[in-house]
Amino acid sequence: MRGGNSTESARPPTPHNPNETRPMAKPRDREPKTKACAACGRPTVVAYRVRRTAAAVWEFVCPDCLERVKSGNPHYAYGGTWKGERH
């Protein structure tokens, strides 16, 4: 036995065998999450993180309101997409 270090006795991880079958993931049986649109207030499963005023506050807007928010708006900035079905 060398040194008594507990990490020396640990086995290395086993590589994945491509011929081995893995258990299938359970299907989701819950409703997707929603966010309220900052412009119209309706719940949405897909929301866009945007800045729409000079206040530099990030808000989430629905796809329907996104076009109205960004057309001709000098303060508009895109900050990502939120999807409720991924969470």
N, C-alpha and C. Protein backbone atom coordinates (compact mmCIF):
# COMPACT_ATOMS: atom_id res chain seq x y z
N MET A 1 0.85 -1.17 0.00
CA MET A 1 0.00 0.00 0.00
C MET A 1 0.90 1.24 0.00
N ARG A 2 0.63 2.15 -0.89
CA ARG A 2 1.46 3.35 -1.01
C ARG A 2 0.78 4.54 -0.38
N GLY A 3 1.43 5.18 0.55
CA GLY A 3 1.05 6.48 1.08
C GLY A 3 -0.28 6.60 1.79
N GLY A 4 -1.23 5.74 1.57
CA GLY A 4 -2.51 5.82 2.25
C GLY A 4 -3.45 6.88 1.69
N ASN A 5 -3.16 7.42 0.52
CA ASN A 5 -4.03 8.43 -0.09
C ASN A 5 -5.29 7.75 -0.60
N SER A 6 -6.46 8.19 -0.18
CA SER A 6 -7.71 7.54 -0.55
C SER A 6 -8.02 7.69 -2.04
N THR A 7 -7.48 8.69 -2.71
CA THR A 7 -7.76 8.87 -4.14
C THR A 7 -7.03 7.83 -4.98
N GLU A 8 -5.94 7.25 -4.47
CA GLU A 8 -5.20 6.24 -5.22
C GLU A 8 -5.99 4.95 -5.34
N SER A 9 -6.84 4.65 -4.37
CA SER A 9 -7.58 3.40 -4.39
C SER A 9 -8.89 3.51 -5.18
N ALA A 10 -9.28 4.70 -5.56
CA ALA A 10 -10.52 4.88 -6.32
C ALA A 10 -10.35 4.32 -7.72
N ARG A 11 -11.40 3.65 -8.21
CA ARG A 11 -11.35 3.09 -9.56
C ARG A 11 -11.66 4.17 -10.59
N PRO A 12 -11.01 4.10 -11.75
CA PRO A 12 -11.32 5.08 -12.79
C PRO A 12 -12.73 4.84 -13.32
N PRO A 13 -13.37 5.87 -13.87
CA PRO A 13 -14.72 5.69 -14.41
C PRO A 13 -14.72 4.72 -15.58
N THR A 14 -15.78 3.94 -15.67
CA THR A 14 -15.92 2.98 -16.76
C THR A 14 -16.41 3.69 -18.00
N PRO A 15 -15.75 3.48 -19.15
CA PRO A 15 -16.24 4.14 -20.38
C PRO A 15 -17.58 3.55 -20.80
N HIS A 16 -18.38 4.35 -21.49
CA HIS A 16 -19.70 3.94 -21.94
C HIS A 16 -19.58 2.88 -23.04
N ASN A 17 -20.30 1.81 -22.90
CA ASN A 17 -20.33 0.75 -23.92
C ASN A 17 -21.47 1.08 -24.88
N PRO A 18 -21.17 1.33 -26.18
CA PRO A 18 -22.23 1.70 -27.13
C PRO A 18 -23.22 0.58 -27.38
N ASN A 19 -22.88 -0.66 -27.07
CA ASN A 19 -23.79 -1.79 -27.27
C ASN A 19 -24.72 -2.00 -26.07
N GLU A 20 -24.45 -1.30 -24.99
CA GLU A 20 -25.25 -1.43 -23.79
C GLU A 20 -26.48 -0.54 -23.90
N THR A 21 -27.63 -1.05 -23.54
CA THR A 21 -28.85 -0.23 -23.59
C THR A 21 -29.02 0.50 -22.28
N ARG A 22 -29.46 1.73 -22.39
CA ARG A 22 -29.70 2.56 -21.21
C ARG A 22 -31.20 2.65 -20.98
N PRO A 23 -31.60 2.81 -19.73
CA PRO A 23 -33.04 2.98 -19.49
C PRO A 23 -33.52 4.29 -20.12
N MET A 24 -34.72 4.25 -20.67
CA MET A 24 -35.27 5.44 -21.30
C MET A 24 -35.71 6.44 -20.25
N ALA A 25 -35.60 7.71 -20.58
CA ALA A 25 -36.04 8.77 -19.67
C ALA A 25 -37.56 8.74 -19.56
N LYS A 26 -38.04 9.09 -18.39
CA LYS A 26 -39.48 9.13 -18.19
C LYS A 26 -40.07 10.32 -18.93
N PRO A 27 -41.21 10.14 -19.59
CA PRO A 27 -41.84 11.29 -20.27
C PRO A 27 -42.33 12.30 -19.25
N ARG A 28 -42.29 13.56 -19.62
CA ARG A 28 -42.78 14.60 -18.73
C ARG A 28 -44.29 14.62 -18.76
N ASP A 29 -44.88 14.58 -17.60
CA ASP A 29 -46.33 14.62 -17.52
C ASP A 29 -46.84 15.90 -16.88
N ARG A 30 -45.98 16.90 -16.83
CA ARG A 30 -46.40 18.17 -16.24
C ARG A 30 -46.54 19.24 -17.33
N GLU A 31 -47.27 20.26 -17.00
CA GLU A 31 -47.47 21.37 -17.92
C GLU A 31 -46.18 22.18 -18.06
N PRO A 32 -45.92 22.75 -19.24
CA PRO A 32 -44.73 23.60 -19.38
C PRO A 32 -44.88 24.86 -18.55
N LYS A 33 -43.75 25.40 -18.11
CA LYS A 33 -43.76 26.63 -17.34
C LYS A 33 -44.10 27.80 -18.25
N THR A 34 -44.66 28.86 -17.68
CA THR A 34 -44.98 30.06 -18.46
C THR A 34 -44.45 31.28 -17.73
N LYS A 35 -44.28 32.35 -18.50
CA LYS A 35 -43.93 33.67 -17.96
C LYS A 35 -44.98 34.64 -18.46
N ALA A 36 -45.26 35.67 -17.69
CA ALA A 36 -46.17 36.71 -18.12
C ALA A 36 -45.39 37.71 -18.98
N CYS A 37 -45.95 38.09 -20.11
CA CYS A 37 -45.34 39.08 -20.99
C CYS A 37 -45.38 40.45 -20.30
N ALA A 38 -44.26 41.16 -20.31
CA ALA A 38 -44.19 42.48 -19.68
C ALA A 38 -44.98 43.52 -20.46
N ALA A 39 -45.25 43.27 -21.75
CA ALA A 39 -45.97 44.24 -22.56
C ALA A 39 -47.49 44.05 -22.51
N CYS A 40 -47.94 42.78 -22.65
CA CYS A 40 -49.40 42.55 -22.71
C CYS A 40 -49.93 41.78 -21.50
N GLY A 41 -49.07 41.15 -20.73
CA GLY A 41 -49.50 40.43 -19.53
C GLY A 41 -49.94 39.00 -19.74
N ARG A 42 -50.05 38.56 -20.99
CA ARG A 42 -50.48 37.19 -21.25
C ARG A 42 -49.38 36.19 -20.91
N PRO A 43 -49.73 34.98 -20.44
CA PRO A 43 -48.72 33.96 -20.19
C PRO A 43 -48.20 33.39 -21.51
N THR A 44 -46.91 33.08 -21.55
CA THR A 44 -46.30 32.55 -22.76
C THR A 44 -45.29 31.47 -22.41
N VAL A 45 -45.16 30.46 -23.27
CA VAL A 45 -44.21 29.38 -23.07
C VAL A 45 -42.84 29.76 -23.62
N VAL A 46 -42.80 30.67 -24.59
CA VAL A 46 -41.54 31.19 -25.14
C VAL A 46 -41.54 32.69 -24.91
N ALA A 47 -40.46 33.21 -24.31
CA ALA A 47 -40.36 34.64 -24.03
C ALA A 47 -38.98 35.13 -24.42
N TYR A 48 -38.90 36.37 -24.84
CA TYR A 48 -37.64 36.98 -25.23
C TYR A 48 -37.24 38.02 -24.19
N ARG A 49 -35.99 37.92 -23.74
CA ARG A 49 -35.46 38.88 -22.76
C ARG A 49 -35.00 40.11 -23.52
N VAL A 50 -35.61 41.26 -23.23
CA VAL A 50 -35.32 42.48 -23.98
C VAL A 50 -35.23 43.69 -23.05
N ARG A 51 -34.57 44.70 -23.56
CA ARG A 51 -34.64 46.03 -22.95
C ARG A 51 -35.46 46.86 -23.91
N ARG A 52 -36.49 47.52 -23.40
CA ARG A 52 -37.36 48.29 -24.29
C ARG A 52 -37.46 49.75 -23.91
N THR A 53 -36.80 50.17 -22.81
CA THR A 53 -36.81 51.57 -22.40
C THR A 53 -35.39 52.00 -22.06
N ALA A 54 -35.21 53.27 -21.83
CA ALA A 54 -33.89 53.80 -21.47
C ALA A 54 -33.47 53.39 -20.06
N ALA A 55 -34.37 52.79 -19.29
CA ALA A 55 -34.08 52.41 -17.91
C ALA A 55 -33.12 51.23 -17.78
N ALA A 56 -32.79 50.57 -18.87
CA ALA A 56 -31.87 49.43 -18.90
C ALA A 56 -32.33 48.28 -18.02
N VAL A 57 -33.64 48.06 -17.93
CA VAL A 57 -34.22 46.97 -17.17
C VAL A 57 -34.55 45.83 -18.14
N TRP A 58 -34.12 44.60 -17.81
CA TRP A 58 -34.44 43.45 -18.66
C TRP A 58 -35.86 42.99 -18.35
N GLU A 59 -36.64 42.74 -19.40
CA GLU A 59 -38.02 42.26 -19.27
C GLU A 59 -38.22 41.11 -20.24
N PHE A 60 -39.24 40.28 -19.99
CA PHE A 60 -39.59 39.20 -20.89
C PHE A 60 -40.85 39.58 -21.66
N VAL A 61 -40.81 39.43 -22.98
CA VAL A 61 -41.97 39.71 -23.82
C VAL A 61 -42.28 38.49 -24.67
N CYS A 62 -43.56 38.33 -25.03
CA CYS A 62 -43.99 37.20 -25.84
C CYS A 62 -43.64 37.45 -27.31
N PRO A 63 -43.68 36.39 -28.13
CA PRO A 63 -43.36 36.56 -29.55
C PRO A 63 -44.26 37.57 -30.27
N ASP A 64 -45.54 37.65 -29.86
CA ASP A 64 -46.45 38.61 -30.51
C ASP A 64 -46.04 40.05 -30.24
N CYS A 65 -45.58 40.34 -29.04
CA CYS A 65 -45.20 41.71 -28.68
C CYS A 65 -43.78 42.07 -29.10
N LEU A 66 -42.96 41.09 -29.41
CA LEU A 66 -41.56 41.36 -29.75
C LEU A 66 -41.43 42.31 -30.93
N GLU A 67 -42.19 42.09 -31.98
CA GLU A 67 -42.10 42.96 -33.17
C GLU A 67 -42.48 44.41 -32.85
N ARG A 68 -43.52 44.59 -32.04
CA ARG A 68 -43.92 45.95 -31.65
C ARG A 68 -42.84 46.61 -30.79
N VAL A 69 -42.20 45.83 -29.92
CA VAL A 69 -41.18 46.37 -29.01
C VAL A 69 -39.94 46.80 -29.78
N LYS A 70 -39.52 46.01 -30.76
CA LYS A 70 -38.25 46.32 -31.41
C LYS A 70 -38.35 47.24 -32.63
N SER A 71 -39.51 47.38 -33.24
CA SER A 71 -39.59 48.21 -34.45
C SER A 71 -39.45 49.70 -34.10
N GLY A 72 -38.39 50.30 -34.58
CA GLY A 72 -38.15 51.72 -34.40
C GLY A 72 -37.78 52.13 -32.98
N ASN A 73 -37.44 51.20 -32.12
CA ASN A 73 -37.12 51.50 -30.73
C ASN A 73 -35.61 51.62 -30.55
N PRO A 74 -35.09 52.81 -30.28
CA PRO A 74 -33.64 52.96 -30.12
C PRO A 74 -33.10 52.32 -28.84
N HIS A 75 -33.97 51.99 -27.89
CA HIS A 75 -33.54 51.40 -26.63
C HIS A 75 -33.60 49.87 -26.66
N TYR A 76 -34.13 49.30 -27.74
CA TYR A 76 -34.30 47.85 -27.83
C TYR A 76 -32.95 47.14 -27.79
N ALA A 77 -32.87 46.08 -26.97
CA ALA A 77 -31.71 45.19 -26.94
C ALA A 77 -32.21 43.78 -26.65
N TYR A 78 -31.70 42.81 -27.38
CA TYR A 78 -32.08 41.40 -27.20
C TYR A 78 -31.14 40.76 -26.20
N GLY A 79 -31.70 39.96 -25.27
CA GLY A 79 -30.87 39.35 -24.24
C GLY A 79 -31.03 37.85 -24.11
N GLY A 80 -31.72 37.20 -25.03
CA GLY A 80 -31.85 35.74 -24.97
C GLY A 80 -33.29 35.28 -25.06
N THR A 81 -33.43 33.97 -25.21
CA THR A 81 -34.74 33.35 -25.31
C THR A 81 -34.96 32.41 -24.14
N TRP A 82 -36.12 32.49 -23.52
CA TRP A 82 -36.51 31.62 -22.43
C TRP A 82 -37.58 30.66 -22.95
N LYS A 83 -37.40 29.35 -22.71
CA LYS A 83 -38.38 28.37 -23.15
C LYS A 83 -38.84 27.57 -21.95
N GLY A 84 -40.12 27.61 -21.69
CA GLY A 84 -40.69 26.94 -20.52
C GLY A 84 -40.69 25.43 -20.61
N GLU A 85 -40.62 24.87 -21.79
CA GLU A 85 -40.63 23.41 -21.92
C GLU A 85 -39.27 22.80 -21.57
N ARG A 86 -38.21 23.58 -21.54
CA ARG A 86 -36.87 23.04 -21.19
C ARG A 86 -36.67 22.97 -19.70
N HIS A 87 -37.48 23.64 -18.92
CA HIS A 87 -37.21 23.77 -17.48
C HIS A 87 -38.02 22.80 -16.69
